[in-house]
Amino acid sequence: MSRKYCLIVVDDKCFTGEAKDVTGEAIKKAMRRFGFDFEGKFLIPHNQEMVESALLHCADNLKVPLILTFGGTGFSLRHQVPEATKAVITKEAPGIAEAIRSYALESSDLAMLNRGVAGIRNKSLIVNLPDGEKAAREALEVCIETVKLGIDIMLGE
């Protein structure tokens, strides 16, 4: 069964056009392999209200079962994606973020600095992927099969 997803890339330089969104394209390629259909990508600057608005649009208007975010999960004061996600979800799904961090810790102590979260709003699962193309791809590899099952359960299938 194919599922739709949205991707929200939080990056100031990609938003202004100063940099190309390489990681978003890598995530799209991986998601095709995992059987997901791309619904839309949103380039957002480091702005909590704009991130919240994009999350709400994907969940409430587009009603996609999976929303992936990339960027904005670190320690910088500008990094507000976990806070934006927590503001819009109604249920937390901490095991997903814990699994991503646990796997990443095997290769880098920097994984401890990833503050990403996961949770549910209506019938949409939101997952904050870690920064870095390699880290984001590996995060998907480690959690995607369980995420698929979680989506089926969430949708009552």
Foldseek 3Di string as FASTA:
>chain_A
DEFEEEEEEEAPCVVVVVDPDPLVVLVVVLVVVVRYDYDYYHYHYLDLVVLLVVVCCCCPPVVGQEYEYEDLQFDDPSRCNQVSVVVQAPFWDAVLLVQLLVVVVVPDPCSVRGRWTWHHHQNHIYTYFYYDNVSRSVSCVRCVVVSVVVSCVSVVD
